[in-house]
């Protein structure tokens, strides 16, 4: 079979303040990030995560600053590139299904917990 990613999804979601992380999606307009000075994703080494906090990104989105769209797009594209790179490695070493199931389970649990808050 052939798998495909929607080519605009990372940037479209970024423009709408949704950032992908190893623990699920963050909505950067959420008030809970107002005083959250952590990286977007602790496991991410992108330019955005290396230089800006969740609180600052939230501020940029609330203030409707164009920089928010750029920083969020950088992060989401970096996340997707690493996701595909890791998937490729897991396919080659025969561990894809185990890896995929672990990710889906982890993200599903975190999304459920976040929706209950």
PDB file of N, CA and C in Angstrom:
ATOM      1  N   UNK A   1       0.807  -1.175   0.000  1.00  0.00           N
ATOM      2  CA  UNK A   1       0.000   0.000   0.000  1.00  0.00           C
ATOM      3  C   UNK A   1       0.858   1.249   0.000  1.00  0.00           C
ATOM      4  N   UNK A   2       0.200   2.339  -0.161  1.00  0.00           N
ATOM      5  CA  UNK A   2       0.867   3.639  -0.188  1.00  0.00           C
ATOM      6  C   UNK A   2       0.286   4.495   0.925  1.00  0.00           C
ATOM      7  N   UNK A   3       1.164   5.086   1.688  1.00  0.00           N
ATOM      8  CA  UNK A   3       0.735   6.013   2.734  1.00  0.00           C
ATOM      9  C   UNK A   3       1.068   7.428   2.305  1.00  0.00           C
ATOM     10  N   UNK A   4       0.266   8.363   2.782  1.00  0.00           N
ATOM     11  CA  UNK A   4       0.475   9.748   2.374  1.00  0.00           C
ATOM     12  C   UNK A   4       0.116  10.668   3.534  1.00  0.00           C
ATOM     13  N   UNK A   5       0.848  11.739   3.658  1.00  0.00           N
ATOM     14  CA  UNK A   5       0.500  12.782   4.615  1.00  0.00           C
ATOM     15  C   UNK A   5      -0.117  13.935   3.847  1.00  0.00           C
ATOM     16  N   UNK A   6      -1.087  14.582   4.448  1.00  0.00           N
ATOM     17  CA  UNK A   6      -1.634  15.808   3.874  1.00  0.00           C
ATOM     18  C   UNK A   6      -0.526  16.843   3.910  1.00  0.00           C
ATOM     19  N   UNK A   7      -0.151  17.358   2.782  1.00  0.00           N
ATOM     20  CA  UNK A   7       1.022  18.233   2.700  1.00  0.00           C
ATOM     21  C   UNK A   7       0.858  19.557   3.439  1.00  0.00           C
ATOM     22  N   UNK A   8      -0.368  20.007   3.638  1.00  0.00           N
ATOM     23  CA  UNK A   8      -0.550  21.300   4.302  1.00  0.00           C
ATOM     24  C   UNK A   8      -0.943  21.166   5.773  1.00  0.00           C
ATOM     25  N   UNK A   9      -1.168  19.944   6.223  1.00  0.00           N
ATOM     26  CA  UNK A   9      -1.662  19.764   7.588  1.00  0.00           C
ATOM     27  C   UNK A   9      -0.772  20.387   8.664  1.00  0.00           C
ATOM     28  N   UNK A  10       0.534  20.176   8.659  1.00  0.00           N
ATOM     29  CA  UNK A  10       1.348  20.774   9.733  1.00  0.00           C
ATOM     30  C   UNK A  10       1.257  22.303   9.779  1.00  0.00           C
ATOM     31  N   UNK A  11       1.267  22.946   8.621  1.00  0.00           N
ATOM     32  CA  UNK A  11       1.222  24.415   8.623  1.00  0.00           C
ATOM     33  C   UNK A  11      -0.194  24.937   8.839  1.00  0.00           C
ATOM     34  N   UNK A  12      -1.192  24.249   8.311  1.00  0.00           N
ATOM     35  CA  UNK A  12      -2.580  24.680   8.540  1.00  0.00           C
ATOM     36  C   UNK A  12      -2.908  24.587  10.031  1.00  0.00           C
ATOM     37  N   UNK A  13      -2.537  23.475  10.653  1.00  0.00           N
ATOM     38  CA  UNK A  13      -2.772  23.342  12.092  1.00  0.00           C
ATOM     39  C   UNK A  13      -1.989  24.395  12.870  1.00  0.00           C
ATOM     40  N   UNK A  14      -0.765  24.661  12.450  1.00  0.00           N
ATOM     41  CA  UNK A  14       0.050  25.685  13.116  1.00  0.00           C
ATOM     42  C   UNK A  14      -0.628  27.051  13.036  1.00  0.00           C
ATOM     43  N   UNK A  15      -1.153  27.390  11.872  1.00  0.00           N
ATOM     44  CA  UNK A  15      -1.825  28.691  11.712  1.00  0.00           C
ATOM     45  C   UNK A  15      -3.067  28.798  12.592  1.00  0.00           C
ATOM     46  N   UNK A  16      -3.623  27.653  12.963  1.00  0.00           N
ATOM     47  CA  UNK A  16      -4.802  27.635  13.827  1.00  0.00           C
ATOM     48  C   UNK A  16      -4.449  27.349  15.285  1.00  0.00           C
ATOM     49  N   UNK A  17      -3.172  27.505  15.614  1.00  0.00           N
ATOM     50  CA  UNK A  17      -2.660  27.400  16.991  1.00  0.00           C
ATOM     51  C   UNK A  17      -2.671  25.983  17.550  1.00  0.00           C
ATOM     52  N   UNK A  18      -2.637  24.967  16.682  1.00  0.00           N
ATOM     53  CA  UNK A  18      -2.539  23.579  17.120  1.00  0.00           C
ATOM     54  C   UNK A  18      -1.133  23.081  16.842  1.00  0.00           C
ATOM     55  N   UNK A  19      -0.437  22.685  17.912  1.00  0.00           N
ATOM     56  CA  UNK A  19       0.942  22.214  17.782  1.00  0.00           C
ATOM     57  C   UNK A  19       1.028  20.750  18.174  1.00  0.00           C
ATOM     58  N   UNK A  20       1.745  19.986  17.364  1.00  0.00           N
ATOM     59  CA  UNK A  20       1.920  18.555  17.598  1.00  0.00           C
ATOM     60  C   UNK A  20       3.066  18.333  18.571  1.00  0.00           C
ATOM     61  N   UNK A  21       2.875  17.386  19.483  1.00  0.00           N
ATOM     62  CA  UNK A  21       3.942  17.028  20.415  1.00  0.00           C
ATOM     63  C   UNK A  21       3.988  15.510  20.551  1.00  0.00           C
ATOM     64  N   UNK A  22       5.023  15.040  21.189  1.00  0.00           N
ATOM     65  CA  UNK A  22       5.155  13.602  21.422  1.00  0.00           C
ATOM     66  C   UNK A  22       4.083  13.087  22.382  1.00  0.00           C
ATOM     67  N   UNK A  23       3.352  13.995  23.025  1.00  0.00           N
ATOM     68  CA  UNK A  23       2.279  13.616  23.948  1.00  0.00           C
ATOM     69  C   UNK A  23       0.892  13.967  23.442  1.00  0.00           C
ATOM     70  N   UNK A  24       0.786  14.428  22.216  1.00  0.00           N
ATOM     71  CA  UNK A  24      -0.509  14.817  21.667  1.00  0.00           C
ATOM     72  C   UNK A  24      -0.486  16.255  21.185  1.00  0.00           C
ATOM     73  N   UNK A  25      -1.648  16.758  20.836  1.00  0.00           N
ATOM     74  CA  UNK A  25      -1.769  18.096  20.268  1.00  0.00           C
ATOM     75  C   UNK A  25      -2.047  19.129  21.360  1.00  0.00           C
ATOM     76  N   UNK A  26      -1.411  20.293  21.233  1.00  0.00           N
ATOM     77  CA  UNK A  26      -1.666  21.409  22.142  1.00  0.00           C
ATOM     78  C   UNK A  26      -2.409  22.502  21.391  1.00  0.00           C
ATOM     79  N   UNK A  27      -3.425  23.061  22.015  1.00  0.00           N
ATOM     80  CA  UNK A  27      -4.107  24.228  21.466  1.00  0.00           C
ATOM     81  C   UNK A  27      -3.527  25.443  22.174  1.00  0.00           C
ATOM     82  N   UNK A  28      -2.712  26.202  21.463  1.00  0.00           N
ATOM     83  CA  UNK A  28      -1.951  27.276  22.098  1.00  0.00           C
ATOM     84  C   UNK A  28      -2.796  28.460  22.538  1.00  0.00           C
ATOM     85  N   UNK A  29      -4.074  28.495  22.193  1.00  0.00           N
ATOM     86  CA  UNK A  29      -4.951  29.560  22.691  1.00  0.00           C
ATOM     87  C   UNK A  29      -5.524  29.213  24.071  1.00  0.00           C
ATOM     88  N   UNK A  30      -5.286  27.993  24.509  1.00  0.00           N
ATOM     89  CA  UNK A  30      -5.796  27.521  25.790  1.00  0.00           C
ATOM     90  C   UNK A  30      -5.188  28.343  26.927  1.00  0.00           C
ATOM     91  N   UNK A  31      -6.025  28.785  27.830  1.00  0.00           N
ATOM     92  CA  UNK A  31      -5.593  29.626  28.945  1.00  0.00           C
ATOM     93  C   UNK A  31      -4.592  28.926  29.870  1.00  0.00           C
ATOM     94  N   UNK A  32      -4.578  27.595  29.851  1.00  0.00           N
ATOM     95  CA  UNK A  32      -3.668  26.864  30.743  1.00  0.00           C
ATOM     96  C   UNK A  32      -2.195  27.096  30.394  1.00  0.00           C
ATOM     97  N   UNK A  33      -1.914  27.630  29.210  1.00  0.00           N
ATOM     98  CA  UNK A  33      -0.522  27.884  28.817  1.00  0.00           C
ATOM     99  C   UNK A  33      -0.075  29.317  29.117  1.00  0.00           C
ATOM    100  N   UNK A  34      -0.956  30.104  29.707  1.00  0.00           N
ATOM    101  CA  UNK A  34      -0.660  31.515  29.975  1.00  0.00           C
ATOM    102  C   UNK A  34       0.618  31.705  30.793  1.00  0.00           C
ATOM    103  N   UNK A  35       0.844  30.852  31.765  1.00  0.00           N
ATOM    104  CA  UNK A  35       2.036  30.940  32.617  1.00  0.00           C
ATOM    105  C   UNK A  35       2.892  29.678  32.540  1.00  0.00           C
ATOM    106  N   UNK A  36       2.827  29.000  31.408  1.00  0.00           N
ATOM    107  CA  UNK A  36       3.581  27.758  31.207  1.00  0.00           C
ATOM    108  C   UNK A  36       4.857  28.074  30.431  1.00  0.00           C
ATOM    109  N   UNK A  37       5.973  28.080  31.127  1.00  0.00           N
ATOM    110  CA  UNK A  37       7.240  28.479  30.510  1.00  0.00           C
ATOM    111  C   UNK A  37       8.072  27.282  30.037  1.00  0.00           C
ATOM    112  N   UNK A  38       7.405  26.145  29.872  1.00  0.00           N
ATOM    113  CA  UNK A  38       8.060  24.963  29.320  1.00  0.00           C
ATOM    114  C   UNK A  38       8.149  25.067  27.801  1.00  0.00           C
ATOM    115  N   UNK A  39       9.001  24.203  27.242  1.00  0.00           N
ATOM    116  CA  UNK A  39       9.070  24.081  25.792  1.00  0.00           C
ATOM    117  C   UNK A  39       7.738  23.529  25.289  1.00  0.00           C
ATOM    118  N   UNK A  40       7.459  23.727  24.013  1.00  0.00           N
ATOM    119  CA  UNK A  40       6.260  23.136  23.421  1.00  0.00           C
ATOM    120  C   UNK A  40       6.288  21.626  23.642  1.00  0.00           C
ATOM    121  N   UNK A  41       7.431  21.013  23.326  1.00  0.00           N
ATOM    122  CA  UNK A  41       7.615  19.567  23.496  1.00  0.00           C
ATOM    123  C   UNK A  41       9.016  19.349  24.050  1.00  0.00           C
ATOM    124  N   UNK A  42       9.100  18.771  25.236  1.00  0.00           N
ATOM    125  CA  UNK A  42      10.404  18.566  25.887  1.00  0.00           C
ATOM    126  C   UNK A  42      11.350  17.708  25.054  1.00  0.00           C
ATOM    127  N   UNK A  43      10.811  16.873  24.174  1.00  0.00           N
ATOM    128  CA  UNK A  43      11.645  15.996  23.351  1.00  0.00           C
ATOM    129  C   UNK A  43      12.066  16.641  22.034  1.00  0.00           C
ATOM    130  N   UNK A  44      11.595  17.842  21.761  1.00  0.00           N
ATOM    131  CA  UNK A  44      11.836  18.491  20.470  1.00  0.00           C
ATOM    132  C   UNK A  44      13.049  19.423  20.538  1.00  0.00           C
ATOM    133  N   UNK A  45      13.817  19.426  19.457  1.00  0.00           N
ATOM    134  CA  UNK A  45      15.001  20.284  19.379  1.00  0.00           C
ATOM    135  C   UNK A  45      14.878  21.320  18.264  1.00  0.00           C
ATOM    136  N   UNK A  46      13.665  21.610  17.833  1.00  0.00           N
ATOM    137  CA  UNK A  46      13.481  22.592  16.761  1.00  0.00           C
ATOM    138  C   UNK A  46      13.820  24.000  17.265  1.00  0.00           C
ATOM    139  N   UNK A  47      13.926  24.925  16.342  1.00  0.00           N
ATOM    140  CA  UNK A  47      14.240  26.314  16.673  1.00  0.00           C
ATOM    141  C   UNK A  47      13.217  26.891  17.657  1.00  0.00           C
ATOM    142  N   UNK A  48      11.954  26.620  17.413  1.00  0.00           N
ATOM    143  CA  UNK A  48      10.899  27.166  18.270  1.00  0.00           C
ATOM    144  C   UNK A  48      11.029  26.645  19.699  1.00  0.00           C
ATOM    145  N   UNK A  49      11.159  25.336  19.846  1.00  0.00           N
ATOM    146  CA  UNK A  49      11.266  24.748  21.189  1.00  0.00           C
ATOM    147  C   UNK A  49      12.556  25.142  21.890  1.00  0.00           C
ATOM    148  N   UNK A  50      13.597  25.382  21.124  1.00  0.00           N
ATOM    149  CA  UNK A  50      14.890  25.754  21.711  1.00  0.00           C
ATOM    150  C   UNK A  50      14.926  27.198  22.190  1.00  0.00           C
ATOM    151  N   UNK A  51      13.982  28.018  21.733  1.00  0.00           N
ATOM    152  CA  UNK A  51      14.061  29.452  22.025  1.00  0.00           C
ATOM    153  C   UNK A  51      12.825  30.084  22.651  1.00  0.00           C
ATOM    154  N   UNK A  52      11.683  29.392  22.620  1.00  0.00           N
ATOM    155  CA  UNK A  52      10.444  30.032  23.072  1.00  0.00           C
ATOM    156  C   UNK A  52       9.626  29.096  23.953  1.00  0.00           C
ATOM    157  N   UNK A  53       8.862  29.678  24.858  1.00  0.00           N
ATOM    158  CA  UNK A  53       8.027  28.895  25.779  1.00  0.00           C
ATOM    159  C   UNK A  53       6.587  28.813  25.266  1.00  0.00           C
ATOM    160  N   UNK A  54       5.836  27.929  25.890  1.00  0.00           N
ATOM    161  CA  UNK A  54       4.408  27.817  25.587  1.00  0.00           C
ATOM    162  C   UNK A  54       3.699  29.140  25.887  1.00  0.00           C
ATOM    163  N   UNK A  55       4.065  29.764  26.996  1.00  0.00           N
ATOM    164  CA  UNK A  55       3.437  31.033  27.380  1.00  0.00           C
ATOM    165  C   UNK A  55       3.675  32.108  26.322  1.00  0.00           C
ATOM    166  N   UNK A  56       4.897  32.179  25.808  1.00  0.00           N
ATOM    167  CA  UNK A  56       5.198  33.199  24.805  1.00  0.00           C
ATOM    168  C   UNK A  56       4.444  32.925  23.507  1.00  0.00           C
ATOM    169  N   UNK A  57       4.407  31.653  23.093  1.00  0.00           N
ATOM    170  CA  UNK A  57       3.668  31.321  21.868  1.00  0.00           C
ATOM    171  C   UNK A  57       2.188  31.634  22.037  1.00  0.00           C
ATOM    172  N   UNK A  58       1.634  31.309  23.199  1.00  0.00           N
ATOM    173  CA  UNK A  58       0.234  31.632  23.459  1.00  0.00           C
ATOM    174  C   UNK A  58       0.021  33.143  23.355  1.00  0.00           C
ATOM    175  N   UNK A  59       0.903  33.908  23.968  1.00  0.00           N
ATOM    176  CA  UNK A  59       0.817  35.370  23.895  1.00  0.00           C
ATOM    177  C   UNK A  59       0.796  35.846  22.440  1.00  0.00           C
ATOM    178  N   UNK A  60       1.691  35.295  21.622  1.00  0.00           N
ATOM    179  CA  UNK A  60       1.749  35.696  20.211  1.00  0.00           C
ATOM    180  C   UNK A  60       0.440  35.385  19.490  1.00  0.00           C
ATOM    181  N   UNK A  61      -0.136  34.222  19.755  1.00  0.00           N
ATOM    182  CA  UNK A  61      -1.416  33.877  19.112  1.00  0.00           C
ATOM    183  C   UNK A  61      -2.538  34.789  19.588  1.00  0.00           C
ATOM    184  N   UNK A  62      -2.606  35.042  20.886  1.00  0.00           N
ATOM    185  CA  UNK A  62      -3.655  35.909  21.432  1.00  0.00           C
ATOM    186  C   UNK A  62      -3.518  37.328  20.877  1.00  0.00           C
ATOM    187  N   UNK A  63      -2.269  37.792  20.722  1.00  0.00           N
ATOM    188  CA  UNK A  63      -2.013  39.144  20.200  1.00  0.00           C
ATOM    189  C   UNK A  63      -2.109  39.205  18.675  1.00  0.00           C
ATOM    190  N   UNK A  64      -2.360  38.050  18.047  1.00  0.00           N
ATOM    191  CA  UNK A  64      -2.470  37.948  16.588  1.00  0.00           C
ATOM    192  C   UNK A  64      -1.198  38.388  15.863  1.00  0.00           C
ATOM    193  N   UNK A  65      -0.063  38.057  16.472  1.00  0.00           N
ATOM    194  CA  UNK A  65       1.239  38.366  15.870  1.00  0.00           C
ATOM    195  C   UNK A  65       1.575  37.333  14.797  1.00  0.00           C
ATOM    196  N   UNK A  66       2.036  37.787  13.644  1.00  0.00           N
ATOM    197  CA  UNK A  66       2.394  36.893  12.545  1.00  0.00           C
ATOM    198  C   UNK A  66       3.519  35.938  12.944  1.00  0.00           C
ATOM    199  N   UNK A  67       4.370  36.352  13.872  1.00  0.00           N
ATOM    200  CA  UNK A  67       5.459  35.498  14.338  1.00  0.00           C
ATOM    201  C   UNK A  67       4.931  34.182  14.911  1.00  0.00           C
ATOM    202  N   UNK A  68       3.747  34.205  15.504  1.00  0.00           N
ATOM    203  CA  UNK A  68       3.153  32.976  16.048  1.00  0.00           C
ATOM    204  C   UNK A  68       2.992  31.926  14.962  1.00  0.00           C
ATOM    205  N   UNK A  69       2.528  32.351  13.801  1.00  0.00           N
ATOM    206  CA  UNK A  69       2.301  31.421  12.691  1.00  0.00           C
ATOM    207  C   UNK A  69       3.614  30.831  12.196  1.00  0.00           C
ATOM    208  N   UNK A  70       4.633  31.659  12.129  1.00  0.00           N
ATOM    209  CA  UNK A  70       5.941  31.193  11.664  1.00  0.00           C
ATOM    210  C   UNK A  70       6.561  30.205  12.649  1.00  0.00           C
ATOM    211  N   UNK A  71       6.570  30.557  13.924  1.00  0.00           N
ATOM    212  CA  UNK A  71       7.179  29.680  14.931  1.00  0.00           C
ATOM    213  C   UNK A  71       6.416  28.362  15.068  1.00  0.00           C
ATOM    214  N   UNK A  72       5.101  28.433  15.011  1.00  0.00           N
ATOM    215  CA  UNK A  72       4.293  27.216  15.103  1.00  0.00           C
ATOM    216  C   UNK A  72       4.505  26.329  13.874  1.00  0.00           C
ATOM    217  N   UNK A  73       4.617  26.934  12.705  1.00  0.00           N
ATOM    218  CA  UNK A  73       4.869  26.162  11.479  1.00  0.00           C
ATOM    219  C   UNK A  73       6.230  25.491  11.520  1.00  0.00           C
ATOM    220  N   UNK A  74       7.230  26.209  11.986  1.00  0.00           N
ATOM    221  CA  UNK A  74       8.571  25.617  12.120  1.00  0.00           C
ATOM    222  C   UNK A  74       8.497  24.382  13.010  1.00  0.00           C
ATOM    223  N   UNK A  75       7.828  24.521  14.138  1.00  0.00           N
ATOM    224  CA  UNK A  75       7.723  23.399  15.073  1.00  0.00           C
ATOM    225  C   UNK A  75       6.986  22.214  14.448  1.00  0.00           C
ATOM    226  N   UNK A  76       5.807  22.460  13.883  1.00  0.00           N
ATOM    227  CA  UNK A  76       5.019  21.353  13.335  1.00  0.00           C
ATOM    228  C   UNK A  76       5.727  20.651  12.180  1.00  0.00           C
ATOM    229  N   UNK A  77       6.401  21.405  11.328  1.00  0.00           N
ATOM    230  CA  UNK A  77       7.144  20.780  10.228  1.00  0.00           C
ATOM    231  C   UNK A  77       8.295  19.932  10.760  1.00  0.00           C
ATOM    232  N   UNK A  78       9.001  20.446  11.740  1.00  0.00           N
ATOM    233  CA  UNK A  78      10.095  19.692  12.366  1.00  0.00           C
ATOM    234  C   UNK A  78       9.555  18.404  12.990  1.00  0.00           C
ATOM    235  N   UNK A  79       8.428  18.525  13.689  1.00  0.00           N
ATOM    236  CA  UNK A  79       7.809  17.358  14.316  1.00  0.00           C
ATOM    237  C   UNK A  79       7.494  16.291  13.273  1.00  0.00           C
ATOM    238  N   UNK A  80       6.872  16.707  12.171  1.00  0.00           N
ATOM    239  CA  UNK A  80       6.496  15.746  11.129  1.00  0.00           C
ATOM    240  C   UNK A  80       7.705  15.127  10.448  1.00  0.00           C
ATOM    241  N   UNK A  81       8.723  15.915  10.190  1.00  0.00           N
ATOM    242  CA  UNK A  81       9.934  15.360   9.585  1.00  0.00           C
ATOM    243  C   UNK A  81      10.541  14.286  10.485  1.00  0.00           C
ATOM    244  N   UNK A  82      10.592  14.548  11.774  1.00  0.00           N
ATOM    245  CA  UNK A  82      11.128  13.553  12.711  1.00  0.00           C
ATOM    246  C   UNK A  82      10.217  12.338  12.840  1.00  0.00           C
ATOM    247  N   UNK A  83       8.913  12.549  12.792  1.00  0.00           N
ATOM    248  CA  UNK A  83       7.972  11.440  12.855  1.00  0.00           C
ATOM    249  C   UNK A  83       8.188  10.487  11.674  1.00  0.00           C
ATOM    250  N   UNK A  84       8.317  11.044  10.480  1.00  0.00           N
ATOM    251  CA  UNK A  84       8.516  10.228   9.279  1.00  0.00           C
ATOM    252  C   UNK A  84       9.887   9.556   9.306  1.00  0.00           C
ATOM    253  N   UNK A  85      10.897  10.277   9.757  1.00  0.00           N
ATOM    254  CA  UNK A  85      12.245   9.707   9.854  1.00  0.00           C
ATOM    255  C   UNK A  85      12.255   8.508  10.812  1.00  0.00           C
ATOM    256  N   UNK A  86      11.595   8.655  11.949  1.00  0.00           N
ATOM    257  CA  UNK A  86      11.521   7.562  12.919  1.00  0.00           C
ATOM    258  C   UNK A  86      10.709   6.396  12.359  1.00  0.00           C
ATOM    259  N   UNK A  87       9.600   6.694  11.693  1.00  0.00           N
ATOM    260  CA  UNK A  87       8.782   5.633  11.090  1.00  0.00           C
ATOM    261  C   UNK A  87       9.599   4.836  10.081  1.00  0.00           C
ATOM    262  N   UNK A  88      10.377   5.531   9.278  1.00  0.00           N
ATOM    263  CA  UNK A  88      11.221   4.861   8.283  1.00  0.00           C
ATOM    264  C   UNK A  88      12.201   3.901   8.963  1.00  0.00           C
ATOM    265  N   UNK A  89      12.838   4.358  10.044  1.00  0.00           N
ATOM    266  CA  UNK A  89      13.783   3.501  10.781  1.00  0.00           C
ATOM    267  C   UNK A  89      13.075   2.284  11.370  1.00  0.00           C
ATOM    268  N   UNK A  90      11.897   2.509  11.936  1.00  0.00           N
ATOM    269  CA  UNK A  90      11.147   1.410  12.553  1.00  0.00           C
ATOM    270  C   UNK A  90      10.692   0.396  11.502  1.00  0.00           C
ATOM    271  N   UNK A  91      10.326   0.854  10.324  1.00  0.00           N
ATOM    272  CA  UNK A  91       9.957  -0.058   9.237  1.00  0.00           C
ATOM    273  C   UNK A  91      11.154  -0.916   8.860  1.00  0.00           C
ATOM    274  N   UNK A  92      12.301  -0.273   8.701  1.00  0.00           N
ATOM    275  CA  UNK A  92      13.507  -0.991   8.278  1.00  0.00           C
ATOM    276  C   UNK A  92      13.981  -2.026   9.295  1.00  0.00           C
ATOM    277  N   UNK A  93      13.780  -1.749  10.591  1.00  0.00           N
ATOM    278  CA  UNK A  93      14.232  -2.739  11.580  1.00  0.00           C
ATOM    279  C   UNK A  93      13.095  -3.622  12.109  1.00  0.00           C
ATOM    280  N   UNK A  94      11.948  -3.576  11.424  1.00  0.00           N
ATOM    281  CA  UNK A  94      10.845  -4.479  11.750  1.00  0.00           C
ATOM    282  C   UNK A  94      10.093  -4.170  13.025  1.00  0.00           C
ATOM    283  N   UNK A  95      10.179  -2.940  13.519  1.00  0.00           N
ATOM    284  CA  UNK A  95       9.517  -2.572  14.773  1.00  0.00           C
ATOM    285  C   UNK A  95       8.394  -1.558  14.592  1.00  0.00           C
ATOM    286  N   UNK A  96       7.950  -1.349  13.367  1.00  0.00           N
ATOM    287  CA  UNK A  96       6.975  -0.285  13.108  1.00  0.00           C
ATOM    288  C   UNK A  96       5.664  -0.488  13.861  1.00  0.00           C
ATOM    289  N   UNK A  97       5.076  -1.676  13.783  1.00  0.00           N
ATOM    290  CA  UNK A  97       3.768  -1.897  14.402  1.00  0.00           C
ATOM    291  C   UNK A  97       3.818  -1.653  15.909  1.00  0.00           C
ATOM    292  N   UNK A  98       4.843  -2.157  16.565  1.00  0.00           N
ATOM    293  CA  UNK A  98       4.986  -1.948  18.014  1.00  0.00           C
ATOM    294  C   UNK A  98       5.103  -0.458  18.315  1.00  0.00           C
ATOM    295  N   UNK A  99       5.959   0.248  17.579  1.00  0.00           N
ATOM    296  CA  UNK A  99       6.171   1.691  17.760  1.00  0.00           C
ATOM    297  C   UNK A  99       4.880   2.462  17.518  1.00  0.00           C
ATOM    298  N   UNK A 100       4.191   2.157  16.420  1.00  0.00           N
ATOM    299  CA  UNK A 100       2.940   2.841  16.067  1.00  0.00           C
ATOM    300  C   UNK A 100       1.890   2.635  17.152  1.00  0.00           C
ATOM    301  N   UNK A 101       1.730   1.390  17.602  1.00  0.00           N
ATOM    302  CA  UNK A 101       0.740   1.098  18.642  1.00  0.00           C
ATOM    303  C   UNK A 101       1.054   1.838  19.940  1.00  0.00           C
ATOM    304  N   UNK A 102       2.334   1.929  20.307  1.00  0.00           N
ATOM    305  CA  UNK A 102       2.733   2.658  21.519  1.00  0.00           C
ATOM    306  C   UNK A 102       2.388   4.141  21.399  1.00  0.00           C
ATOM    307  N   UNK A 103       2.682   4.727  20.255  1.00  0.00           N
ATOM    308  CA  UNK A 103       2.398   6.155  20.049  1.00  0.00           C
ATOM    309  C   UNK A 103       0.902   6.428  20.091  1.00  0.00           C
ATOM    310  N   UNK A 104       0.136   5.630  19.374  1.00  0.00           N
ATOM    311  CA  UNK A 104      -1.316   5.834  19.339  1.00  0.00           C
ATOM    312  C   UNK A 104      -1.904   5.688  20.737  1.00  0.00           C
ATOM    313  N   UNK A 105      -1.478   4.696  21.480  1.00  0.00           N
ATOM    314  CA  UNK A 105      -1.969   4.487  22.838  1.00  0.00           C
ATOM    315  C   UNK A 105      -1.614   5.672  23.738  1.00  0.00           C
ATOM    316  N   UNK A 106      -0.367   6.111  23.687  1.00  0.00           N
ATOM    317  CA  UNK A 106       0.088   7.231  24.528  1.00  0.00           C
ATOM    318  C   UNK A 106      -0.672   8.515  24.200  1.00  0.00           C
ATOM    319  N   UNK A 107      -0.801   8.816  22.920  1.00  0.00           N
ATOM    320  CA  UNK A 107      -1.488  10.047  22.519  1.00  0.00           C
ATOM    321  C   UNK A 107      -2.973   9.963  22.851  1.00  0.00           C
ATOM    322  N   UNK A 108      -3.591   8.815  22.639  1.00  0.00           N
ATOM    323  CA  UNK A 108      -5.015   8.653  22.952  1.00  0.00           C
ATOM    324  C   UNK A 108      -5.284   8.872  24.432  1.00  0.00           C
ATOM    325  N   UNK A 109      -4.438   8.311  25.287  1.00  0.00           N
ATOM    326  CA  UNK A 109      -4.597   8.493  26.738  1.00  0.00           C
ATOM    327  C   UNK A 109      -4.428   9.964  27.106  1.00  0.00           C
ATOM    328  N   UNK A 110      -3.409  10.618  26.559  1.00  0.00           N
ATOM    329  CA  UNK A 110      -3.168  12.029  26.870  1.00  0.00           C
ATOM    330  C   UNK A 110      -4.286  12.923  26.347  1.00  0.00           C
ATOM    331  N   UNK A 111      -4.802  12.640  25.156  1.00  0.00           N
ATOM    332  CA  UNK A 111      -5.907  13.434  24.608  1.00  0.00           C
ATOM    333  C   UNK A 111      -7.145  13.272  25.481  1.00  0.00           C
ATOM    334  N   UNK A 112      -7.411  12.056  25.944  1.00  0.00           N
ATOM    335  CA  UNK A 112      -8.553  11.807  26.820  1.00  0.00           C
ATOM    336  C   UNK A 112      -8.384  12.559  28.136  1.00  0.00           C
ATOM    337  N   UNK A 113      -7.204  12.493  28.732  1.00  0.00           N
ATOM    338  CA  UNK A 113      -6.945  13.207  29.987  1.00  0.00           C
ATOM    339  C   UNK A 113      -7.084  14.710  29.809  1.00  0.00           C
ATOM    340  N   UNK A 114      -6.605  15.250  28.686  1.00  0.00           N
ATOM    341  CA  UNK A 114      -6.700  16.687  28.436  1.00  0.00           C
ATOM    342  C   UNK A 114      -8.138  17.134  28.230  1.00  0.00           C
ATOM    343  N   UNK A 115      -8.974  16.281  27.647  1.00  0.00           N
ATOM    344  CA  UNK A 115     -10.367  16.658  27.402  1.00  0.00           C
ATOM    345  C   UNK A 115     -11.188  16.656  28.689  1.00  0.00           C
ATOM    346  N   UNK A 116     -10.710  15.955  29.715  1.00  0.00           N
ATOM    347  CA  UNK A 116     -11.426  15.892  30.988  1.00  0.00           C
ATOM    348  C   UNK A 116     -11.080  17.052  31.907  1.00  0.00           C
ATOM    349  N   UNK A 117     -10.056  17.832  31.568  1.00  0.00           N
ATOM    350  CA  UNK A 117      -9.628  18.938  32.443  1.00  0.00           C
ATOM    351  C   UNK A 117     -10.518  20.144  32.278  1.00  0.00           C
TER     352      UNK A 117
END
